């Protein structure tokens, strides 16, 4: 195994372009697990943790978070999303949060990735770059299957971007214990009052992150009726209906963490609670 330590983005991209089957190492929280279990044996690793260009985090109406921004930085800085901060708080241990990155979550592309439902709900854009240039992919078009995406082998996730959606948003997660756990199901809800848009992203309940479009339309209808700029707690009936639509969008399976039926149940509960939580936030 050879390891190349990059300090500049152009150097990373040149190596990805010229070295066949190169593997990128950022925080290593996913890669080292795969290596330790003998699932992969990379021949050439490009270490990118020293690349300063990938550590930018800006929020001024339009949010941009670099691929090397860690979960800890998302918690400590203004990450431009309440839901993203809530999701970052659920990731692993302090050591994992200090090392793991947003770009790593996007590159691994697991349906159980905690930040990914938030990016779906925010309608974020994934910024990819190679030696041939930069391209921007809407998150809804980014994932193609479990740990599969449209990212080419010569491309690097350099950032995620979205328009600031305001404070009416939340992230919820159910696991087999309270900490250090892979999600049984996760849900992100974003109510963007200024743009009159509702986003719902579901994690760990299908082959990709799922957007619950019928639930989004239902919630938008409630807000239109009440007035987008007039926060109001939804009725219990409306909250339950929203939760039902959230659960109906899922495509879960039975696995070691939970059954499909249980996933649908907890999504319905989380959906109702999430709507009640964000609908009263101005």
C-alpha atoms as a PDB file:
ATOM      1  CA  UNK A   1       0.000   0.000   0.000  1.00  0.00           C
ATOM      2  CA  UNK A   2       1.287   3.440  -0.920  1.00  0.00           C
ATOM      3  CA  UNK A   3       0.110   6.621   0.781  1.00  0.00           C
ATOM      4  CA  UNK A   4       0.302  10.044  -0.838  1.00  0.00           C
ATOM      5  CA  UNK A   5      -0.217  13.032   1.484  1.00  0.00           C
ATOM      6  CA  UNK A   6      -1.774  15.978  -0.340  1.00  0.00           C
ATOM      7  CA  UNK A   7      -1.773  19.566   0.889  1.00  0.00           C
ATOM      8  CA  UNK A   8      -3.451  21.222  -2.086  1.00  0.00           C
ATOM      9  CA  UNK A   9      -6.673  20.468  -3.917  1.00  0.00           C
ATOM     10  CA  UNK A  10      -5.058  20.467  -7.361  1.00  0.00           C
ATOM     11  CA  UNK A  11      -2.631  17.804  -6.160  1.00  0.00           C
ATOM     12  CA  UNK A  12      -5.512  15.617  -4.971  1.00  0.00           C
ATOM     13  CA  UNK A  13      -7.336  15.941  -8.271  1.00  0.00           C
ATOM     14  CA  UNK A  14      -4.207  15.202 -10.280  1.00  0.00           C
ATOM     15  CA  UNK A  15      -3.654  12.001  -8.307  1.00  0.00           C
ATOM     16  CA  UNK A  16      -7.267  10.930  -8.695  1.00  0.00           C
ATOM     17  CA  UNK A  17      -6.936  11.480 -12.437  1.00  0.00           C
ATOM     18  CA  UNK A  18      -3.595   9.750 -12.936  1.00  0.00           C
ATOM     19  CA  UNK A  19      -3.616   6.873 -10.415  1.00  0.00           C
ATOM     20  CA  UNK A  20      -5.950   3.975 -11.145  1.00  0.00           C
ATOM     21  CA  UNK A  21      -8.189   2.831  -8.267  1.00  0.00           C
ATOM     22  CA  UNK A  22      -6.901   5.490  -5.873  1.00  0.00           C
ATOM     23  CA  UNK A  23      -8.696   5.655  -2.503  1.00  0.00           C
ATOM     24  CA  UNK A  24      -9.290   8.951  -0.713  1.00  0.00           C
ATOM     25  CA  UNK A  25      -8.662   9.132   3.044  1.00  0.00           C
ATOM     26  CA  UNK A  26     -10.155  12.037   5.010  1.00  0.00           C
ATOM     27  CA  UNK A  27     -11.185  11.205   8.592  1.00  0.00           C
ATOM     28  CA  UNK A  28     -10.988   7.458   8.026  1.00  0.00           C
ATOM     29  CA  UNK A  29     -14.057   6.649  10.134  1.00  0.00           C
ATOM     30  CA  UNK A  30     -15.563   4.601   7.289  1.00  0.00           C
ATOM     31  CA  UNK A  31     -12.455   3.534   5.370  1.00  0.00           C
ATOM     32  CA  UNK A  32     -10.564   2.057   8.311  1.00  0.00           C
ATOM     33  CA  UNK A  33     -13.567  -0.044   9.310  1.00  0.00           C
ATOM     34  CA  UNK A  34     -13.664  -1.524   5.824  1.00  0.00           C
ATOM     35  CA  UNK A  35      -9.919  -2.215   5.898  1.00  0.00           C
ATOM     36  CA  UNK A  36     -10.019  -3.758   9.385  1.00  0.00           C
ATOM     37  CA  UNK A  37     -12.810  -6.131   8.355  1.00  0.00           C
ATOM     38  CA  UNK A  38     -10.875  -7.139   5.240  1.00  0.00           C
ATOM     39  CA  UNK A  39     -13.553  -5.882   2.883  1.00  0.00           C
ATOM     40  CA  UNK A  40     -11.164  -3.738   0.874  1.00  0.00           C
ATOM     41  CA  UNK A  41      -7.386  -3.667   0.324  1.00  0.00           C
ATOM     42  CA  UNK A  42      -6.539  -0.303  -1.274  1.00  0.00           C
ATOM     43  CA  UNK A  43      -3.282  -0.205  -3.218  1.00  0.00           C
ATOM     44  CA  UNK A  44      -2.946   3.577  -3.269  1.00  0.00           C
ATOM     45  CA  UNK A  45      -4.328   6.013  -0.682  1.00  0.00           C
ATOM     46  CA  UNK A  46      -4.536   9.784  -1.091  1.00  0.00           C
ATOM     47  CA  UNK A  47      -4.667  11.475   2.330  1.00  0.00           C
ATOM     48  CA  UNK A  48      -6.515  14.793   2.046  1.00  0.00           C
ATOM     49  CA  UNK A  49      -6.923  15.901   5.690  1.00  0.00           C
ATOM     50  CA  UNK A  50      -4.290  18.664   5.242  1.00  0.00           C
ATOM     51  CA  UNK A  51      -6.058  20.346   2.301  1.00  0.00           C
ATOM     52  CA  UNK A  52      -7.155  23.730   3.669  1.00  0.00           C
ATOM     53  CA  UNK A  53      -9.355  24.550   0.654  1.00  0.00           C
ATOM     54  CA  UNK A  54     -11.797  21.838   1.741  1.00  0.00           C
ATOM     55  CA  UNK A  55     -12.326  23.192   5.259  1.00  0.00           C
ATOM     56  CA  UNK A  56     -14.349  26.318   4.464  1.00  0.00           C
ATOM     57  CA  UNK A  57     -17.669  26.888   6.212  1.00  0.00           C
ATOM     58  CA  UNK A  58     -19.689  29.972   5.312  1.00  0.00           C
ATOM     59  CA  UNK A  59     -23.250  30.993   6.049  1.00  0.00           C
ATOM     60  CA  UNK A  60     -24.611  34.290   4.796  1.00  0.00           C
ATOM     61  CA  UNK A  61     -27.939  33.615   3.147  1.00  0.00           C
ATOM     62  CA  UNK A  62     -26.252  30.910   1.074  1.00  0.00           C
ATOM     63  CA  UNK A  63     -24.541  28.108   2.997  1.00  0.00           C
ATOM     64  CA  UNK A  64     -21.403  26.314   1.845  1.00  0.00           C
ATOM     65  CA  UNK A  65     -19.763  23.557   3.883  1.00  0.00           C
ATOM     66  CA  UNK A  66     -16.487  22.114   2.638  1.00  0.00           C
ATOM     67  CA  UNK A  67     -15.913  18.401   2.321  1.00  0.00           C
ATOM     68  CA  UNK A  68     -13.405  18.346   5.202  1.00  0.00           C
ATOM     69  CA  UNK A  69     -15.646  20.112   7.734  1.00  0.00           C
ATOM     70  CA  UNK A  70     -15.965  17.727  10.687  1.00  0.00           C
ATOM     71  CA  UNK A  71     -19.065  16.949  12.716  1.00  0.00           C
ATOM     72  CA  UNK A  72     -17.482  18.748  15.663  1.00  0.00           C
ATOM     73  CA  UNK A  73     -17.112  21.941  13.608  1.00  0.00           C
ATOM     74  CA  UNK A  74     -20.722  21.639  12.498  1.00  0.00           C
ATOM     75  CA  UNK A  75     -21.706  21.600  16.174  1.00  0.00           C
ATOM     76  CA  UNK A  76     -19.414  24.402  17.316  1.00  0.00           C
ATOM     77  CA  UNK A  77     -19.810  26.774  14.361  1.00  0.00           C
ATOM     78  CA  UNK A  78     -22.873  28.217  12.697  1.00  0.00           C
ATOM     79  CA  UNK A  79     -23.400  25.358  10.273  1.00  0.00           C
ATOM     80  CA  UNK A  80     -26.264  27.082   8.505  1.00  0.00           C
ATOM     81  CA  UNK A  81     -28.769  24.401   9.511  1.00  0.00           C
ATOM     82  CA  UNK A  82     -30.289  23.534  12.866  1.00  0.00           C
ATOM     83  CA  UNK A  83     -31.133  20.053  11.583  1.00  0.00           C
ATOM     84  CA  UNK A  84     -27.552  19.480  10.418  1.00  0.00           C
ATOM     85  CA  UNK A  85     -26.247  20.377  13.867  1.00  0.00           C
ATOM     86  CA  UNK A  86     -28.759  18.017  15.463  1.00  0.00           C
ATOM     87  CA  UNK A  87     -27.671  15.242  13.092  1.00  0.00           C
ATOM     88  CA  UNK A  88     -23.974  15.890  13.771  1.00  0.00           C
ATOM     89  CA  UNK A  89     -24.631  15.562  17.498  1.00  0.00           C
ATOM     90  CA  UNK A  90     -25.893  11.984  17.013  1.00  0.00           C
ATOM     91  CA  UNK A  91     -22.773  10.781  15.161  1.00  0.00           C
ATOM     92  CA  UNK A  92     -20.595   8.317  17.077  1.00  0.00           C
ATOM     93  CA  UNK A  93     -18.319   9.452  19.891  1.00  0.00           C
ATOM     94  CA  UNK A  94     -16.390  12.723  20.332  1.00  0.00           C
ATOM     95  CA  UNK A  95     -13.387  11.058  18.695  1.00  0.00           C
ATOM     96  CA  UNK A  96     -15.438  10.088  15.641  1.00  0.00           C
ATOM     97  CA  UNK A  97     -17.032  13.538  15.437  1.00  0.00           C
ATOM     98  CA  UNK A  98     -13.554  15.088  15.554  1.00  0.00           C
ATOM     99  CA  UNK A  99     -12.437  13.008  12.557  1.00  0.00           C
ATOM    100  CA  UNK A 100     -15.523  12.286  10.453  1.00  0.00           C
ATOM    101  CA  UNK A 101     -16.456  14.780   7.739  1.00  0.00           C
ATOM    102  CA  UNK A 102     -19.426  15.852   5.664  1.00  0.00           C
ATOM    103  CA  UNK A 103     -17.536  14.928   2.495  1.00  0.00           C
ATOM    104  CA  UNK A 104     -16.857  11.471   3.900  1.00  0.00           C
ATOM    105  CA  UNK A 105     -20.576  10.955   4.574  1.00  0.00           C
ATOM    106  CA  UNK A 106     -21.332  11.984   0.992  1.00  0.00           C
ATOM    107  CA  UNK A 107     -18.553   9.873  -0.507  1.00  0.00           C
ATOM    108  CA  UNK A 108     -19.498   6.718   1.442  1.00  0.00           C
ATOM    109  CA  UNK A 109     -23.109   7.413   0.517  1.00  0.00           C
ATOM    110  CA  UNK A 110     -24.708   5.012   2.997  1.00  0.00           C
ATOM    111  CA  UNK A 111     -28.490   5.276   3.379  1.00  0.00           C
ATOM    112  CA  UNK A 112     -27.783   5.310   7.133  1.00  0.00           C
ATOM    113  CA  UNK A 113     -25.530   8.387   6.884  1.00  0.00           C
ATOM    114  CA  UNK A 114     -26.887  10.785   9.508  1.00  0.00           C
ATOM    115  CA  UNK A 115     -26.276  14.065   7.664  1.00  0.00           C
ATOM    116  CA  UNK A 116     -27.736  12.874   4.370  1.00  0.00           C
ATOM    117  CA  UNK A 117     -31.477  13.106   5.206  1.00  0.00           C
ATOM    118  CA  UNK A 118     -30.805  16.720   6.211  1.00  0.00           C
ATOM    119  CA  UNK A 119     -29.173  17.482   2.861  1.00  0.00           C
ATOM    120  CA  UNK A 120     -32.184  15.937   1.129  1.00  0.00           C
ATOM    121  CA  UNK A 121     -34.634  18.025   3.175  1.00  0.00           C
ATOM    122  CA  UNK A 122     -32.601  21.182   2.480  1.00  0.00           C
ATOM    123  CA  UNK A 123     -32.549  20.391  -1.263  1.00  0.00           C
ATOM    124  CA  UNK A 124     -28.778  20.788  -1.096  1.00  0.00           C
ATOM    125  CA  UNK A 125     -26.358  20.714  -3.994  1.00  0.00           C
ATOM    126  CA  UNK A 126     -23.297  18.440  -3.971  1.00  0.00           C
ATOM    127  CA  UNK A 127     -20.238  20.106  -5.497  1.00  0.00           C
ATOM    128  CA  UNK A 128     -17.876  17.697  -7.282  1.00  0.00           C
ATOM    129  CA  UNK A 129     -14.541  18.563  -8.836  1.00  0.00           C
ATOM    130  CA  UNK A 130     -11.993  16.848 -11.075  1.00  0.00           C
ATOM    131  CA  UNK A 131      -9.143  17.964 -13.305  1.00  0.00           C
ATOM    132  CA  UNK A 132     -11.698  18.492 -16.074  1.00  0.00           C
ATOM    133  CA  UNK A 133     -13.727  20.965 -14.018  1.00  0.00           C
ATOM    134  CA  UNK A 134     -16.498  21.317 -11.474  1.00  0.00           C
ATOM    135  CA  UNK A 135     -20.047  20.052 -11.626  1.00  0.00           C
ATOM    136  CA  UNK A 136     -22.965  20.529  -9.280  1.00  0.00           C
ATOM    137  CA  UNK A 137     -25.487  17.788  -8.579  1.00  0.00           C
ATOM    138  CA  UNK A 138     -28.766  18.210  -6.731  1.00  0.00           C
ATOM    139  CA  UNK A 139     -28.711  15.874  -3.742  1.00  0.00           C
ATOM    140  CA  UNK A 140     -31.931  14.227  -4.894  1.00  0.00           C
ATOM    141  CA  UNK A 141     -30.051  13.065  -8.013  1.00  0.00           C
ATOM    142  CA  UNK A 142     -26.785  12.212  -6.255  1.00  0.00           C
ATOM    143  CA  UNK A 143     -27.426   8.799  -4.668  1.00  0.00           C
ATOM    144  CA  UNK A 144     -28.191   5.859  -6.948  1.00  0.00           C
ATOM    145  CA  UNK A 145     -28.154   2.963  -4.466  1.00  0.00           C
ATOM    146  CA  UNK A 146     -26.633   1.744  -1.200  1.00  0.00           C
ATOM    147  CA  UNK A 147     -23.141   3.296  -1.095  1.00  0.00           C
ATOM    148  CA  UNK A 148     -23.476   4.264  -4.760  1.00  0.00           C
ATOM    149  CA  UNK A 149     -23.637   7.699  -6.333  1.00  0.00           C
ATOM    150  CA  UNK A 150     -23.094   9.580  -9.576  1.00  0.00           C
ATOM    151  CA  UNK A 151     -19.609  10.646  -8.417  1.00  0.00           C
ATOM    152  CA  UNK A 152     -16.934   9.431 -10.843  1.00  0.00           C
ATOM    153  CA  UNK A 153     -13.683   7.821  -9.602  1.00  0.00           C
ATOM    154  CA  UNK A 154     -11.699  10.911 -10.643  1.00  0.00           C
ATOM    155  CA  UNK A 155     -14.024  13.300  -8.776  1.00  0.00           C
ATOM    156  CA  UNK A 156     -13.821  14.596  -5.219  1.00  0.00           C
ATOM    157  CA  UNK A 157     -16.658  15.883  -3.051  1.00  0.00           C
ATOM    158  CA  UNK A 158     -15.481  19.429  -2.348  1.00  0.00           C
ATOM    159  CA  UNK A 159     -18.588  20.913  -0.692  1.00  0.00           C
ATOM    160  CA  UNK A 160     -22.328  20.891  -0.121  1.00  0.00           C
ATOM    161  CA  UNK A 161     -24.374  24.068  -0.613  1.00  0.00           C
ATOM    162  CA  UNK A 162     -27.927  25.255   0.003  1.00  0.00           C
ATOM    163  CA  UNK A 163     -29.957  28.398   0.574  1.00  0.00           C
ATOM    164  CA  UNK A 164     -30.432  29.266   4.246  1.00  0.00           C
ATOM    165  CA  UNK A 165     -33.825  27.787   5.185  1.00  0.00           C
ATOM    166  CA  UNK A 166     -34.313  29.471   8.563  1.00  0.00           C
ATOM    167  CA  UNK A 167     -34.688  27.890  12.019  1.00  0.00           C
ATOM    168  CA  UNK A 168     -37.846  25.807  11.485  1.00  0.00           C
ATOM    169  CA  UNK A 169     -36.151  22.448  11.025  1.00  0.00           C
ATOM    170  CA  UNK A 170     -35.225  19.354  12.978  1.00  0.00           C
ATOM    171  CA  UNK A 171     -33.546  15.946  12.762  1.00  0.00           C
ATOM    172  CA  UNK A 172     -34.642  12.810  14.602  1.00  0.00           C
ATOM    173  CA  UNK A 173     -33.061   9.393  14.803  1.00  0.00           C
ATOM    174  CA  UNK A 174     -33.962   6.029  16.321  1.00  0.00           C
ATOM    175  CA  UNK A 175     -31.257   3.501  17.168  1.00  0.00           C
ATOM    176  CA  UNK A 176     -30.873   0.345  19.193  1.00  0.00           C
ATOM    177  CA  UNK A 177     -29.319   2.404  21.999  1.00  0.00           C
ATOM    178  CA  UNK A 178     -28.831   6.086  22.841  1.00  0.00           C
ATOM    179  CA  UNK A 179     -25.292   6.624  21.504  1.00  0.00           C
ATOM    180  CA  UNK A 180     -22.608   5.175  19.206  1.00  0.00           C
ATOM    181  CA  UNK A 181     -25.221   3.580  16.997  1.00  0.00           C
ATOM    182  CA  UNK A 182     -26.144   3.257  13.334  1.00  0.00           C
ATOM    183  CA  UNK A 183     -29.648   4.565  12.702  1.00  0.00           C
ATOM    184  CA  UNK A 184     -32.603   2.198  12.547  1.00  0.00           C
ATOM    185  CA  UNK A 185     -34.408   5.142  10.960  1.00  0.00           C
ATOM    186  CA  UNK A 186     -33.740   8.854  10.636  1.00  0.00           C
ATOM    187  CA  UNK A 187     -35.872  11.818   9.621  1.00  0.00           C
ATOM    188  CA  UNK A 188     -35.116  15.437   8.746  1.00  0.00           C
ATOM    189  CA  UNK A 189     -37.852  18.052   8.373  1.00  0.00           C
ATOM    190  CA  UNK A 190     -37.218  21.555   7.039  1.00  0.00           C
ATOM    191  CA  UNK A 191     -39.864  24.273   6.790  1.00  0.00           C
ATOM    192  CA  UNK A 192     -38.469  27.130   4.722  1.00  0.00           C
ATOM    193  CA  UNK A 193     -40.973  29.882   5.441  1.00  0.00           C
ATOM    194  CA  UNK A 194     -39.405  32.538   3.223  1.00  0.00           C
ATOM    195  CA  UNK A 195     -39.515  30.277   0.141  1.00  0.00           C
ATOM    196  CA  UNK A 196     -42.695  28.489   1.209  1.00  0.00           C
ATOM    197  CA  UNK A 197     -41.147  25.078   0.909  1.00  0.00           C
ATOM    198  CA  UNK A 198     -41.230  21.911   3.035  1.00  0.00           C
ATOM    199  CA  UNK A 199     -38.519  19.256   2.794  1.00  0.00           C
ATOM    200  CA  UNK A 200     -38.618  15.772   4.335  1.00  0.00           C
ATOM    201  CA  UNK A 201     -35.616  13.422   4.110  1.00  0.00           C
ATOM    202  CA  UNK A 202     -35.711   9.829   5.385  1.00  0.00           C
ATOM    203  CA  UNK A 203     -32.625   7.766   6.183  1.00  0.00           C
ATOM    204  CA  UNK A 204     -31.949   4.076   6.820  1.00  0.00           C
ATOM    205  CA  UNK A 205     -35.320   3.064   5.383  1.00  0.00           C
ATOM    206  CA  UNK A 206     -34.540   2.383   1.729  1.00  0.00           C
ATOM    207  CA  UNK A 207     -31.689   1.861  -0.738  1.00  0.00           C
ATOM    208  CA  UNK A 208     -31.096   5.632  -0.854  1.00  0.00           C
ATOM    209  CA  UNK A 209     -32.149   8.654   1.153  1.00  0.00           C
ATOM    210  CA  UNK A 210     -35.863   9.098   0.433  1.00  0.00           C
ATOM    211  CA  UNK A 211     -37.780  12.341   0.041  1.00  0.00           C
ATOM    212  CA  UNK A 212     -41.346  12.002   1.337  1.00  0.00           C
ATOM    213  CA  UNK A 213     -42.987  14.132  -1.342  1.00  0.00           C
ATOM    214  CA  UNK A 214     -46.625  13.460  -0.350  1.00  0.00           C
ATOM    215  CA  UNK A 215     -45.838  14.383   3.247  1.00  0.00           C
ATOM    216  CA  UNK A 216     -44.124  17.547   1.998  1.00  0.00           C
ATOM    217  CA  UNK A 217     -47.209  18.558   0.015  1.00  0.00           C
ATOM    218  CA  UNK A 218     -49.500  17.817   2.961  1.00  0.00           C
ATOM    219  CA  UNK A 219     -47.437  19.934   5.363  1.00  0.00           C
ATOM    220  CA  UNK A 220     -47.188  22.756   2.821  1.00  0.00           C
ATOM    221  CA  UNK A 221     -50.976  22.720   2.530  1.00  0.00           C
ATOM    222  CA  UNK A 222     -51.357  23.027   6.293  1.00  0.00           C
ATOM    223  CA  UNK A 223     -48.950  25.947   6.374  1.00  0.00           C
ATOM    224  CA  UNK A 224     -50.649  27.642   3.440  1.00  0.00           C
ATOM    225  CA  UNK A 225     -53.968  27.408   5.230  1.00  0.00           C
ATOM    226  CA  UNK A 226     -52.591  28.688   8.548  1.00  0.00           C
ATOM    227  CA  UNK A 227     -50.273  31.272   6.997  1.00  0.00           C
ATOM    228  CA  UNK A 228     -46.580  30.598   6.413  1.00  0.00           C
ATOM    229  CA  UNK A 229     -45.548  33.474   8.642  1.00  0.00           C
ATOM    230  CA  UNK A 230     -47.917  32.485  11.462  1.00  0.00           C
ATOM    231  CA  UNK A 231     -46.455  29.551  13.408  1.00  0.00           C
ATOM    232  CA  UNK A 232     -49.222  27.337  14.740  1.00  0.00           C
ATOM    233  CA  UNK A 233     -49.169  23.936  16.378  1.00  0.00           C
ATOM    234  CA  UNK A 234     -50.844  21.360  14.101  1.00  0.00           C
ATOM    235  CA  UNK A 235     -53.805  19.389  15.372  1.00  0.00           C
ATOM    236  CA  UNK A 236     -53.160  15.863  16.612  1.00  0.00           C
ATOM    237  CA  UNK A 237     -55.081  14.539  13.618  1.00  0.00           C
ATOM    238  CA  UNK A 238     -52.955  16.516  11.160  1.00  0.00           C
ATOM    239  CA  UNK A 239     -49.715  15.466  12.854  1.00  0.00           C
ATOM    240  CA  UNK A 240     -50.711  11.796  12.718  1.00  0.00           C
ATOM    241  CA  UNK A 241     -51.678  12.077   9.055  1.00  0.00           C
ATOM    242  CA  UNK A 242     -48.322  13.667   8.296  1.00  0.00           C
ATOM    243  CA  UNK A 243     -46.577  10.810  10.137  1.00  0.00           C
ATOM    244  CA  UNK A 244     -48.622   8.287   8.160  1.00  0.00           C
ATOM    245  CA  UNK A 245     -47.535   9.875   4.880  1.00  0.00           C
ATOM    246  CA  UNK A 246     -43.894   9.904   6.037  1.00  0.00           C
ATOM    247  CA  UNK A 247     -44.045   6.184   6.863  1.00  0.00           C
ATOM    248  CA  UNK A 248     -45.758   5.467   3.550  1.00  0.00           C
ATOM    249  CA  UNK A 249     -42.842   6.939   1.616  1.00  0.00           C
ATOM    250  CA  UNK A 250     -40.331   4.530   3.185  1.00  0.00           C
ATOM    251  CA  UNK A 251     -39.030   1.374   1.499  1.00  0.00           C
ATOM    252  CA  UNK A 252     -37.594  -0.445   4.524  1.00  0.00           C
ATOM    253  CA  UNK A 253     -36.261  -3.973   4.891  1.00  0.00           C
ATOM    254  CA  UNK A 254     -35.807  -6.359   7.799  1.00  0.00           C
ATOM    255  CA  UNK A 255     -32.202  -6.443   9.023  1.00  0.00           C
ATOM    256  CA  UNK A 256     -30.179  -6.906  12.200  1.00  0.00           C
ATOM    257  CA  UNK A 257     -31.121  -3.428  13.481  1.00  0.00           C
ATOM    258  CA  UNK A 258     -34.876  -3.650  13.032  1.00  0.00           C
ATOM    259  CA  UNK A 259     -37.801  -4.927  11.004  1.00  0.00           C
ATOM    260  CA  UNK A 260     -39.482  -3.085   8.158  1.00  0.00           C
ATOM    261  CA  UNK A 261     -42.670  -2.826  10.239  1.00  0.00           C
ATOM    262  CA  UNK A 262     -40.793  -1.253  13.148  1.00  0.00           C
ATOM    263  CA  UNK A 263     -39.109   1.246  10.845  1.00  0.00           C
ATOM    264  CA  UNK A 264     -42.455   2.345   9.460  1.00  0.00           C
ATOM    265  CA  UNK A 265     -43.833   2.670  12.982  1.00  0.00           C
ATOM    266  CA  UNK A 266     -40.993   4.865  14.260  1.00  0.00           C
ATOM    267  CA  UNK A 267     -41.066   7.008  11.120  1.00  0.00           C
ATOM    268  CA  UNK A 268     -44.761   7.691  11.697  1.00  0.00           C
ATOM    269  CA  UNK A 269     -44.075   8.656  15.311  1.00  0.00           C
ATOM    270  CA  UNK A 270     -41.051  10.807  14.420  1.00  0.00           C
ATOM    271  CA  UNK A 271     -42.967  12.475  11.597  1.00  0.00           C
ATOM    272  CA  UNK A 272     -45.816  13.535  13.880  1.00  0.00           C
ATOM    273  CA  UNK A 273     -43.401  14.811  16.526  1.00  0.00           C
ATOM    274  CA  UNK A 274     -41.232  16.623  14.007  1.00  0.00           C
ATOM    275  CA  UNK A 275     -44.173  18.500  12.495  1.00  0.00           C
ATOM    276  CA  UNK A 276     -45.391  19.552  15.938  1.00  0.00           C
ATOM    277  CA  UNK A 277     -41.875  20.712  16.807  1.00  0.00           C
ATOM    278  CA  UNK A 278     -41.142  22.870  13.759  1.00  0.00           C
ATOM    279  CA  UNK A 279     -44.597  24.236  13.027  1.00  0.00           C
ATOM    280  CA  UNK A 280     -44.473  26.512  16.095  1.00  0.00           C
ATOM    281  CA  UNK A 281     -40.998  27.898  15.325  1.00  0.00           C
ATOM    282  CA  UNK A 282     -41.232  31.408  13.812  1.00  0.00           C
END
